[in-house]
Amino acid sequence: MLAPGTNQVFVTLESSTNLLNWSDATNGVYGSPDTARFFRLRQTTVPSQ
């Protein structure tokens, strides 16, 4: 949820194979079909200037 008066967020795509350790990800083809991979979007409010 956005803070009052803030209208910009930075969105990061992250991936994990164990739901504990997350790293930044980009779009593309990942691993083999035998490896479970999870994705999440994380948003960070951009500080107002």
PDB file of N, CA and C in Angstrom:
ATOM      1  N   MET A   1       0.837  -1.171   0.000  1.00  0.00           N
ATOM      2  CA  MET A   1       0.000   0.000   0.000  1.00  0.00           C
ATOM      3  C   MET A   1       0.887   1.241   0.000  1.00  0.00           C
ATOM      4  N   LEU A   2       0.471   2.266  -0.695  1.00  0.00           N
ATOM      5  CA  LEU A   2       1.256   3.485  -0.796  1.00  0.00           C
ATOM      6  C   LEU A   2       1.056   4.374   0.420  1.00  0.00           C
ATOM      7  N   ALA A   3       2.117   5.055   0.783  1.00  0.00           N
ATOM      8  CA  ALA A   3       2.018   6.019   1.868  1.00  0.00           C
ATOM      9  C   ALA A   3       1.224   7.231   1.382  1.00  0.00           C
ATOM     10  N   PRO A   4       0.530   7.910   2.278  1.00  0.00           N
ATOM     11  CA  PRO A   4      -0.228   9.105   1.871  1.00  0.00           C
ATOM     12  C   PRO A   4       0.679  10.117   1.179  1.00  0.00           C
ATOM     13  N   GLY A   5       0.223  10.653   0.062  1.00  0.00           N
ATOM     14  CA  GLY A   5       0.985  11.663  -0.663  1.00  0.00           C
ATOM     15  C   GLY A   5       2.087  11.103  -1.548  1.00  0.00           C
ATOM     16  N   THR A   6       2.225   9.793  -1.617  1.00  0.00           N
ATOM     17  CA  THR A   6       3.260   9.170  -2.436  1.00  0.00           C
ATOM     18  C   THR A   6       2.594   8.454  -3.596  1.00  0.00           C
ATOM     19  N   ASN A   7       3.116   8.640  -4.794  1.00  0.00           N
ATOM     20  CA  ASN A   7       2.488   7.983  -5.934  1.00  0.00           C
ATOM     21  C   ASN A   7       3.469   7.203  -6.792  1.00  0.00           C
ATOM     22  N   GLN A   8       4.682   6.987  -6.320  1.00  0.00           N
ATOM     23  CA  GLN A   8       5.647   6.239  -7.101  1.00  0.00           C
ATOM     24  C   GLN A   8       6.205   5.081  -6.283  1.00  0.00           C
ATOM     25  N   VAL A   9       6.345   3.924  -6.947  1.00  0.00           N
ATOM     26  CA  VAL A   9       6.957   2.762  -6.312  1.00  0.00           C
ATOM     27  C   VAL A   9       7.971   2.157  -7.266  1.00  0.00           C
ATOM     28  N   PHE A  10       8.985   1.526  -6.706  1.00  0.00           N
ATOM     29  CA  PHE A  10       9.978   0.782  -7.469  1.00  0.00           C
ATOM     30  C   PHE A  10       9.602  -0.684  -7.333  1.00  0.00           C
ATOM     31  N   VAL A  11       9.424  -1.389  -8.458  1.00  0.00           N
ATOM     32  CA  VAL A  11       8.987  -2.781  -8.448  1.00  0.00           C
ATOM     33  C   VAL A  11      10.167  -3.681  -8.806  1.00  0.00           C
ATOM     34  N   THR A  12      10.377  -4.726  -8.002  1.00  0.00           N
ATOM     35  CA  THR A  12      11.467  -5.671  -8.218  1.00  0.00           C
ATOM     36  C   THR A  12      10.893  -7.077  -8.362  1.00  0.00           C
ATOM     37  N   LEU A  13      11.320  -7.787  -9.396  1.00  0.00           N
ATOM     38  CA  LEU A  13      10.974  -9.202  -9.562  1.00  0.00           C
ATOM     39  C   LEU A  13      12.065 -10.014  -8.880  1.00  0.00           C
ATOM     40  N   GLU A  14      11.660 -10.972  -8.031  1.00  0.00           N
ATOM     41  CA  GLU A  14      12.617 -11.811  -7.322  1.00  0.00           C
ATOM     42  C   GLU A  14      12.272 -13.276  -7.543  1.00  0.00           C
ATOM     43  N   SER A  15      13.287 -14.152  -7.422  1.00  0.00           N
ATOM     44  CA  SER A  15      13.049 -15.587  -7.561  1.00  0.00           C
ATOM     45  C   SER A  15      13.735 -16.339  -6.433  1.00  0.00           C
ATOM     46  N   SER A  16      13.201 -17.558  -6.162  1.00  0.00           N
ATOM     47  CA  SER A  16      13.722 -18.400  -5.100  1.00  0.00           C
ATOM     48  C   SER A  16      13.448 -19.855  -5.458  1.00  0.00           C
ATOM     49  N   THR A  17      14.284 -20.750  -4.955  1.00  0.00           N
ATOM     50  CA  THR A  17      14.024 -22.187  -5.120  1.00  0.00           C
ATOM     51  C   THR A  17      13.561 -22.816  -3.809  1.00  0.00           C
ATOM     52  N   ASN A  18      13.591 -22.023  -2.706  1.00  0.00           N
ATOM     53  CA  ASN A  18      13.233 -22.589  -1.400  1.00  0.00           C
ATOM     54  C   ASN A  18      12.295 -21.705  -0.574  1.00  0.00           C
ATOM     55  N   LEU A  19      11.854 -20.603  -1.120  1.00  0.00           N
ATOM     56  CA  LEU A  19      10.965 -19.637  -0.458  1.00  0.00           C
ATOM     57  C   LEU A  19      11.599 -18.945   0.748  1.00  0.00           C
ATOM     58  N   LEU A  20      12.888 -19.152   0.979  1.00  0.00           N
ATOM     59  CA  LEU A  20      13.588 -18.486   2.079  1.00  0.00           C
ATOM     60  C   LEU A  20      14.594 -17.464   1.571  1.00  0.00           C
ATOM     61  N   ASN A  21      15.367 -17.848   0.573  1.00  0.00           N
ATOM     62  CA  ASN A  21      16.408 -16.985   0.003  1.00  0.00           C
ATOM     63  C   ASN A  21      15.924 -16.448  -1.333  1.00  0.00           C
ATOM     64  N   TRP A  22      15.829 -15.133  -1.445  1.00  0.00           N
ATOM     65  CA  TRP A  22      15.320 -14.483  -2.653  1.00  0.00           C
ATOM     66  C   TRP A  22      16.427 -13.674  -3.301  1.00  0.00           C
ATOM     67  N   SER A  23      16.442 -13.646  -4.640  1.00  0.00           N
ATOM     68  CA  SER A  23      17.400 -12.829  -5.369  1.00  0.00           C
ATOM     69  C   SER A  23      16.687 -12.140  -6.521  1.00  0.00           C
ATOM     70  N   ASP A  24      17.241 -11.006  -6.949  1.00  0.00           N
ATOM     71  CA  ASP A  24      16.662 -10.266  -8.063  1.00  0.00           C
ATOM     72  C   ASP A  24      16.624 -11.143  -9.306  1.00  0.00           C
ATOM     73  N   ALA A  25      15.589 -10.992 -10.096  1.00  0.00           N
ATOM     74  CA  ALA A  25      15.419 -11.797 -11.304  1.00  0.00           C
ATOM     75  C   ALA A  25      15.066 -10.883 -12.477  1.00  0.00           C
ATOM     76  N   THR A  26      15.282 -11.389 -13.660  1.00  0.00           N
ATOM     77  CA  THR A  26      14.867 -10.700 -14.881  1.00  0.00           C
ATOM     78  C   THR A  26      13.968 -11.650 -15.658  1.00  0.00           C
ATOM     79  N   ASN A  27      13.285 -11.115 -16.641  1.00  0.00           N
ATOM     80  CA  ASN A  27      12.449 -11.994 -17.458  1.00  0.00           C
ATOM     81  C   ASN A  27      13.340 -12.919 -18.283  1.00  0.00           C
ATOM     82  N   GLY A  28      12.855 -14.107 -18.591  1.00  0.00           N
ATOM     83  CA  GLY A  28      13.634 -15.053 -19.365  1.00  0.00           C
ATOM     84  C   GLY A  28      13.283 -16.485 -19.020  1.00  0.00           C
ATOM     85  N   VAL A  29      14.116 -17.405 -19.502  1.00  0.00           N
ATOM     86  CA  VAL A  29      13.927 -18.840 -19.283  1.00  0.00           C
ATOM     87  C   VAL A  29      14.794 -19.249 -18.099  1.00  0.00           C
ATOM     88  N   TYR A  30      14.212 -20.021 -17.168  1.00  0.00           N
ATOM     89  CA  TYR A  30      14.924 -20.408 -15.947  1.00  0.00           C
ATOM     90  C   TYR A  30      14.980 -21.923 -15.813  1.00  0.00           C
ATOM     91  N   GLY A  31      16.160 -22.441 -15.478  1.00  0.00           N
ATOM     92  CA  GLY A  31      16.383 -23.819 -15.049  1.00  0.00           C
ATOM     93  C   GLY A  31      15.719 -24.917 -15.846  1.00  0.00           C
ATOM     94  N   SER A  32      15.616 -26.056 -15.204  1.00  0.00           N
ATOM     95  CA  SER A  32      15.021 -27.230 -15.826  1.00  0.00           C
ATOM     96  C   SER A  32      13.620 -27.443 -15.265  1.00  0.00           C
ATOM     97  N   PRO A  33      12.809 -28.231 -15.949  1.00  0.00           N
ATOM     98  CA  PRO A  33      11.458 -28.502 -15.441  1.00  0.00           C
ATOM     99  C   PRO A  33      11.460 -29.272 -14.118  1.00  0.00           C
ATOM    100  N   ASP A  34      12.600 -29.872 -13.750  1.00  0.00           N
ATOM    101  CA  ASP A  34      12.692 -30.656 -12.509  1.00  0.00           C
ATOM    102  C   ASP A  34      12.950 -29.795 -11.272  1.00  0.00           C
ATOM    103  N   THR A  35      13.285 -28.507 -11.465  1.00  0.00           N
ATOM    104  CA  THR A  35      13.599 -27.626 -10.353  1.00  0.00           C
ATOM    105  C   THR A  35      12.435 -26.675 -10.104  1.00  0.00           C
ATOM    106  N   ALA A  36      11.904 -26.705  -8.892  1.00  0.00           N
ATOM    107  CA  ALA A  36      10.828 -25.774  -8.543  1.00  0.00           C
ATOM    108  C   ALA A  36      11.420 -24.384  -8.366  1.00  0.00           C
ATOM    109  N   ARG A  37      10.789 -23.389  -8.947  1.00  0.00           N
ATOM    110  CA  ARG A  37      11.236 -22.009  -8.800  1.00  0.00           C
ATOM    111  C   ARG A  37      10.013 -21.147  -8.537  1.00  0.00           C
ATOM    112  N   PHE A  38      10.139 -20.258  -7.571  1.00  0.00           N
ATOM    113  CA  PHE A  38       9.050 -19.383  -7.169  1.00  0.00           C
ATOM    114  C   PHE A  38       9.421 -17.941  -7.505  1.00  0.00           C
ATOM    115  N   PHE A  39       8.421 -17.138  -7.808  1.00  0.00           N
ATOM    116  CA  PHE A  39       8.638 -15.735  -8.144  1.00  0.00           C
ATOM    117  C   PHE A  39       7.729 -14.865  -7.295  1.00  0.00           C
ATOM    118  N   ARG A  40       8.220 -13.669  -6.987  1.00  0.00           N
ATOM    119  CA  ARG A  40       7.391 -12.689  -6.294  1.00  0.00           C
ATOM    120  C   ARG A  40       7.748 -11.296  -6.795  1.00  0.00           C
ATOM    121  N   LEU A  41       6.816 -10.391  -6.652  1.00  0.00           N
ATOM    122  CA  LEU A  41       7.045  -8.980  -6.932  1.00  0.00           C
ATOM    123  C   LEU A  41       7.135  -8.257  -5.599  1.00  0.00           C
ATOM    124  N   ARG A  42       8.133  -7.415  -5.475  1.00  0.00           N
ATOM    125  CA  ARG A  42       8.303  -6.619  -4.254  1.00  0.00           C
ATOM    126  C   ARG A  42       8.283  -5.156  -4.657  1.00  0.00           C
ATOM    127  N   GLN A  43       7.577  -4.342  -3.901  1.00  0.00           N
ATOM    128  CA  GLN A  43       7.540  -2.914  -4.216  1.00  0.00           C
ATOM    129  C   GLN A  43       8.096  -2.110  -3.054  1.00  0.00           C
ATOM    130  N   THR A  44       8.813  -1.051  -3.413  1.00  0.00           N
ATOM    131  CA  THR A  44       9.397  -0.145  -2.438  1.00  0.00           C
ATOM    132  C   THR A  44       8.962   1.263  -2.804  1.00  0.00           C
ATOM    133  N   THR A  45       8.476   2.011  -1.838  1.00  0.00           N
ATOM    134  CA  THR A  45       8.059   3.387  -2.097  1.00  0.00           C
ATOM    135  C   THR A  45       9.272   4.248  -2.427  1.00  0.00           C
ATOM    136  N   VAL A  46       9.149   5.025  -3.494  1.00  0.00           N
ATOM    137  CA  VAL A  46      10.212   5.940  -3.891  1.00  0.00           C
ATOM    138  C   VAL A  46      10.108   7.170  -2.997  1.00  0.00           C
ATOM    139  N   PRO A  47      11.182   7.546  -2.309  1.00  0.00           N
ATOM    140  CA  PRO A  47      11.116   8.710  -1.432  1.00  0.00           C
ATOM    141  C   PRO A  47      10.785   9.978  -2.219  1.00  0.00           C
ATOM    142  N   SER A  48       9.933  10.815  -1.655  1.00  0.00           N
ATOM    143  CA  SER A  48       9.630  12.088  -2.319  1.00  0.00           C
ATOM    144  C   SER A  48      10.820  13.031  -2.133  1.00  0.00           C
ATOM    145  N   GLN A  49      10.987  13.892  -3.109  1.00  0.00           N
ATOM    146  CA  GLN A  49      12.163  14.785  -3.084  1.00  0.00           C
ATOM    147  C   GLN A  49      11.821  16.156  -2.614  1.00  0.00           C
TER     148      GLN A  49
END
